[in-house]
Amino acid sequence: MESFAGSFAAYAKDRRIEGEQASTSVSAVLKEHSSILSMLGDNRHQLAELDAALADAGDEAMTRLEEDRDFMLTQRRSLMEKLSGL
């Protein structure tokens, strides 16, 4: 009987540990998801600022701003891929 009680206690402990790990894993995924959404919001804001600057830019600044915009779009695609992978 003691052996059964010991086995059951070990089983219960293992299930509790698995539950805690699953909870921690879900929490980490949600934090990463939230972080990516925040970065996408920042990226969207920066792209809007670049688009406004492009509308008023001269030829010299236009090239630099277009390079910045391409970089921001690449970052956005990367973040979207990370988000869809979660």
N, C-alpha and C. Protein backbone atom coordinates (compact mmCIF):
# COMPACT_ATOMS: atom_id res chain seq x y z
N MET A 1 0.82 -1.19 0.00
CA MET A 1 0.00 0.00 0.00
C MET A 1 0.87 1.27 0.00
N GLU A 2 1.97 1.25 0.78
CA GLU A 2 2.86 2.41 0.82
C GLU A 2 3.49 2.64 -0.55
N SER A 3 3.79 1.56 -1.24
CA SER A 3 4.40 1.69 -2.55
C SER A 3 3.43 2.33 -3.54
N PHE A 4 2.15 1.96 -3.42
CA PHE A 4 1.12 2.57 -4.26
C PHE A 4 0.99 4.06 -3.96
N ALA A 5 0.98 4.41 -2.67
CA ALA A 5 0.87 5.81 -2.26
C ALA A 5 2.07 6.61 -2.75
N GLY A 6 3.26 6.01 -2.67
CA GLY A 6 4.47 6.68 -3.14
C GLY A 6 4.44 6.88 -4.64
N SER A 7 3.97 5.87 -5.37
CA SER A 7 3.86 5.98 -6.82
C SER A 7 2.86 7.05 -7.22
N PHE A 8 1.74 7.09 -6.50
CA PHE A 8 0.72 8.09 -6.80
C PHE A 8 1.25 9.50 -6.52
N ALA A 9 1.99 9.66 -5.42
CA ALA A 9 2.56 10.97 -5.08
C ALA A 9 3.54 11.41 -6.17
N ALA A 10 4.36 10.48 -6.66
CA ALA A 10 5.31 10.81 -7.72
C ALA A 10 4.57 11.18 -9.00
N TYR A 11 3.50 10.43 -9.31
CA TYR A 11 2.69 10.72 -10.49
C TYR A 11 2.07 12.12 -10.39
N ALA A 12 1.49 12.43 -9.23
CA ALA A 12 0.87 13.74 -9.03
C ALA A 12 1.90 14.86 -9.15
N LYS A 13 3.08 14.64 -8.61
CA LYS A 13 4.15 15.64 -8.69
C LYS A 13 4.56 15.87 -10.15
N ASP A 14 4.71 14.78 -10.90
CA ASP A 14 5.08 14.90 -12.32
C ASP A 14 4.02 15.67 -13.10
N ARG A 15 2.75 15.40 -12.86
CA ARG A 15 1.68 16.11 -13.56
C ARG A 15 1.68 17.59 -13.19
N ARG A 16 1.94 17.90 -11.92
CA ARG A 16 1.99 19.30 -11.49
C ARG A 16 3.13 20.03 -12.20
N ILE A 17 4.28 19.38 -12.28
CA ILE A 17 5.43 19.99 -12.96
C ILE A 17 5.12 20.21 -14.44
N GLU A 18 4.50 19.22 -15.08
CA GLU A 18 4.12 19.37 -16.49
C GLU A 18 3.14 20.52 -16.68
N GLY A 19 2.19 20.65 -15.77
CA GLY A 19 1.22 21.74 -15.84
C GLY A 19 1.89 23.10 -15.69
N GLU A 20 2.85 23.20 -14.77
CA GLU A 20 3.57 24.46 -14.58
C GLU A 20 4.38 24.81 -15.82
N GLN A 21 5.02 23.81 -16.42
CA GLN A 21 5.81 24.05 -17.62
C GLN A 21 4.93 24.49 -18.78
N ALA A 22 3.78 23.87 -18.92
CA ALA A 22 2.85 24.25 -19.99
C ALA A 22 2.36 25.67 -19.78
N SER A 23 2.06 26.01 -18.54
CA SER A 23 1.59 27.37 -18.23
C SER A 23 2.67 28.39 -18.53
N THR A 24 3.91 28.08 -18.16
CA THR A 24 5.03 28.98 -18.43
C THR A 24 5.24 29.12 -19.93
N SER A 25 5.11 28.02 -20.66
CA SER A 25 5.30 28.05 -22.11
C SER A 25 4.24 28.92 -22.78
N VAL A 26 2.98 28.77 -22.36
CA VAL A 26 1.90 29.59 -22.93
C VAL A 26 2.14 31.05 -22.60
N SER A 27 2.56 31.33 -21.39
CA SER A 27 2.83 32.71 -20.98
C SER A 27 3.95 33.32 -21.82
N ALA A 28 5.00 32.55 -22.06
CA ALA A 28 6.12 33.04 -22.87
C ALA A 28 5.67 33.33 -24.30
N VAL A 29 4.84 32.47 -24.85
CA VAL A 29 4.35 32.67 -26.22
C VAL A 29 3.49 33.93 -26.28
N LEU A 30 2.63 34.12 -25.28
CA LEU A 30 1.78 35.31 -25.26
C LEU A 30 2.61 36.59 -25.13
N LYS A 31 3.66 36.54 -24.31
CA LYS A 31 4.54 37.71 -24.17
C LYS A 31 5.24 38.01 -25.48
N GLU A 32 5.72 36.96 -26.16
CA GLU A 32 6.40 37.18 -27.44
C GLU A 32 5.41 37.72 -28.48
N HIS A 33 4.21 37.19 -28.48
CA HIS A 33 3.16 37.64 -29.40
C HIS A 33 2.88 39.13 -29.17
N SER A 34 2.74 39.51 -27.91
CA SER A 34 2.49 40.90 -27.55
C SER A 34 3.65 41.80 -27.97
N SER A 35 4.85 41.32 -27.75
CA SER A 35 6.04 42.09 -28.12
C SER A 35 6.10 42.32 -29.63
N ILE A 36 5.80 41.29 -30.39
CA ILE A 36 5.83 41.42 -31.86
C ILE A 36 4.75 42.39 -32.33
N LEU A 37 3.57 42.30 -31.74
CA LEU A 37 2.50 43.24 -32.11
C LEU A 37 2.90 44.68 -31.80
N SER A 38 3.57 44.88 -30.68
CA SER A 38 4.04 46.22 -30.32
C SER A 38 5.07 46.72 -31.34
N MET A 39 6.00 45.84 -31.72
CA MET A 39 7.01 46.22 -32.71
C MET A 39 6.37 46.52 -34.06
N LEU A 40 5.34 45.76 -34.43
CA LEU A 40 4.63 46.03 -35.68
C LEU A 40 3.94 47.40 -35.64
N GLY A 41 3.40 47.75 -34.49
CA GLY A 41 2.78 49.07 -34.34
C GLY A 41 3.80 50.18 -34.50
N ASP A 42 4.97 50.00 -33.88
CA ASP A 42 6.05 50.98 -34.02
C ASP A 42 6.49 51.08 -35.49
N ASN A 43 6.60 49.93 -36.12
CA ASN A 43 7.02 49.87 -37.52
C ASN A 43 6.01 50.61 -38.40
N ARG A 44 4.74 50.38 -38.15
CA ARG A 44 3.67 51.05 -38.93
C ARG A 44 3.78 52.57 -38.77
N HIS A 45 4.02 53.01 -37.54
CA HIS A 45 4.15 54.45 -37.27
C HIS A 45 5.36 55.03 -38.02
N GLN A 46 6.47 54.31 -37.98
CA GLN A 46 7.67 54.78 -38.67
C GLN A 46 7.47 54.82 -40.18
N LEU A 47 6.77 53.82 -40.71
CA LEU A 47 6.48 53.83 -42.15
C LEU A 47 5.59 55.02 -42.53
N ALA A 48 4.63 55.34 -41.68
CA ALA A 48 3.77 56.50 -41.96
C ALA A 48 4.59 57.79 -41.96
N GLU A 49 5.52 57.90 -41.03
CA GLU A 49 6.39 59.09 -40.99
C GLU A 49 7.27 59.15 -42.24
N LEU A 50 7.79 58.01 -42.66
CA LEU A 50 8.62 57.98 -43.87
C LEU A 50 7.81 58.36 -45.10
N ASP A 51 6.59 57.85 -45.19
CA ASP A 51 5.74 58.19 -46.33
C ASP A 51 5.45 59.69 -46.37
N ALA A 52 5.22 60.29 -45.21
CA ALA A 52 4.98 61.73 -45.16
C ALA A 52 6.24 62.49 -45.57
N ALA A 53 7.40 62.02 -45.12
CA ALA A 53 8.65 62.68 -45.48
C ALA A 53 8.95 62.51 -46.97
N LEU A 54 8.60 61.35 -47.52
CA LEU A 54 8.82 61.12 -48.95
C LEU A 54 8.00 62.08 -49.81
N ALA A 55 6.81 62.41 -49.35
CA ALA A 55 5.94 63.31 -50.11
C ALA A 55 6.55 64.71 -50.23
N ASP A 56 7.35 65.10 -49.24
CA ASP A 56 7.93 66.44 -49.22
C ASP A 56 9.42 66.46 -49.55
N ALA A 57 10.00 65.31 -49.86
CA ALA A 57 11.46 65.22 -50.01
C ALA A 57 11.93 65.68 -51.38
N GLY A 58 13.14 66.21 -51.37
CA GLY A 58 13.81 66.54 -52.62
C GLY A 58 14.49 65.29 -53.17
N ASP A 59 15.13 65.43 -54.33
CA ASP A 59 15.75 64.27 -54.98
C ASP A 59 16.83 63.61 -54.12
N GLU A 60 17.65 64.42 -53.47
CA GLU A 60 18.75 63.88 -52.67
C GLU A 60 18.23 63.09 -51.48
N ALA A 61 17.26 63.62 -50.78
CA ALA A 61 16.70 62.94 -49.61
C ALA A 61 15.82 61.77 -50.01
N MET A 62 15.25 61.83 -51.20
CA MET A 62 14.33 60.79 -51.67
C MET A 62 15.00 59.42 -51.67
N THR A 63 16.22 59.33 -52.17
CA THR A 63 16.93 58.05 -52.24
C THR A 63 17.13 57.47 -50.85
N ARG A 64 17.58 58.30 -49.93
CA ARG A 64 17.82 57.83 -48.56
C ARG A 64 16.53 57.38 -47.91
N LEU A 65 15.47 58.15 -48.09
CA LEU A 65 14.18 57.80 -47.49
C LEU A 65 13.60 56.52 -48.10
N GLU A 66 13.80 56.31 -49.39
CA GLU A 66 13.33 55.08 -50.03
C GLU A 66 14.09 53.87 -49.50
N GLU A 67 15.41 54.04 -49.26
CA GLU A 67 16.19 52.96 -48.66
C GLU A 67 15.69 52.65 -47.25
N ASP A 68 15.41 53.69 -46.49
CA ASP A 68 14.87 53.50 -45.14
C ASP A 68 13.52 52.78 -45.19
N ARG A 69 12.70 53.16 -46.14
CA ARG A 69 11.37 52.54 -46.28
C ARG A 69 11.50 51.06 -46.65
N ASP A 70 12.41 50.75 -47.56
CA ASP A 70 12.65 49.34 -47.93
C ASP A 70 13.10 48.53 -46.72
N PHE A 71 13.99 49.12 -45.92
CA PHE A 71 14.47 48.44 -44.71
C PHE A 71 13.32 48.19 -43.74
N MET A 72 12.47 49.20 -43.54
CA MET A 72 11.33 49.06 -42.62
C MET A 72 10.34 48.01 -43.13
N LEU A 73 10.13 47.94 -44.42
CA LEU A 73 9.24 46.92 -44.99
C LEU A 73 9.82 45.51 -44.81
N THR A 74 11.14 45.39 -44.92
CA THR A 74 11.79 44.10 -44.69
C THR A 74 11.62 43.68 -43.24
N GLN A 75 11.80 44.63 -42.33
CA GLN A 75 11.59 44.33 -40.91
C GLN A 75 10.15 43.91 -40.66
N ARG A 76 9.22 44.59 -41.28
CA ARG A 76 7.80 44.27 -41.11
C ARG A 76 7.49 42.85 -41.59
N ARG A 77 8.04 42.48 -42.73
CA ARG A 77 7.83 41.12 -43.25
C ARG A 77 8.39 40.08 -42.27
N SER A 78 9.56 40.36 -41.74
CA SER A 78 10.19 39.45 -40.79
C SER A 78 9.33 39.29 -39.53
N LEU A 79 8.81 40.38 -39.02
CA LEU A 79 7.95 40.32 -37.84
C LEU A 79 6.66 39.56 -38.13
N MET A 80 6.11 39.76 -39.31
CA MET A 80 4.88 39.05 -39.69
C MET A 80 5.13 37.54 -39.78
N GLU A 81 6.29 37.16 -40.29
CA GLU A 81 6.64 35.74 -40.37
C GLU A 81 6.79 35.15 -38.98
N LYS A 82 7.44 35.89 -38.08
CA LYS A 82 7.57 35.42 -36.69
C LYS A 82 6.20 35.26 -36.05
N LEU A 83 5.33 36.21 -36.28
CA LEU A 83 4.00 36.18 -35.69
C LEU A 83 3.19 34.99 -36.22
N SER A 84 3.29 34.71 -37.49
CA SER A 84 2.53 33.58 -38.04
C SER A 84 3.13 32.25 -37.61
N GLY A 85 4.39 32.25 -37.17
CA GLY A 85 5.03 31.02 -36.71
C GLY A 85 4.71 30.67 -35.27
N LEU A 86 4.07 31.58 -34.54
CA LEU A 86 3.74 31.30 -33.13
C LEU A 86 2.51 30.45 -33.01
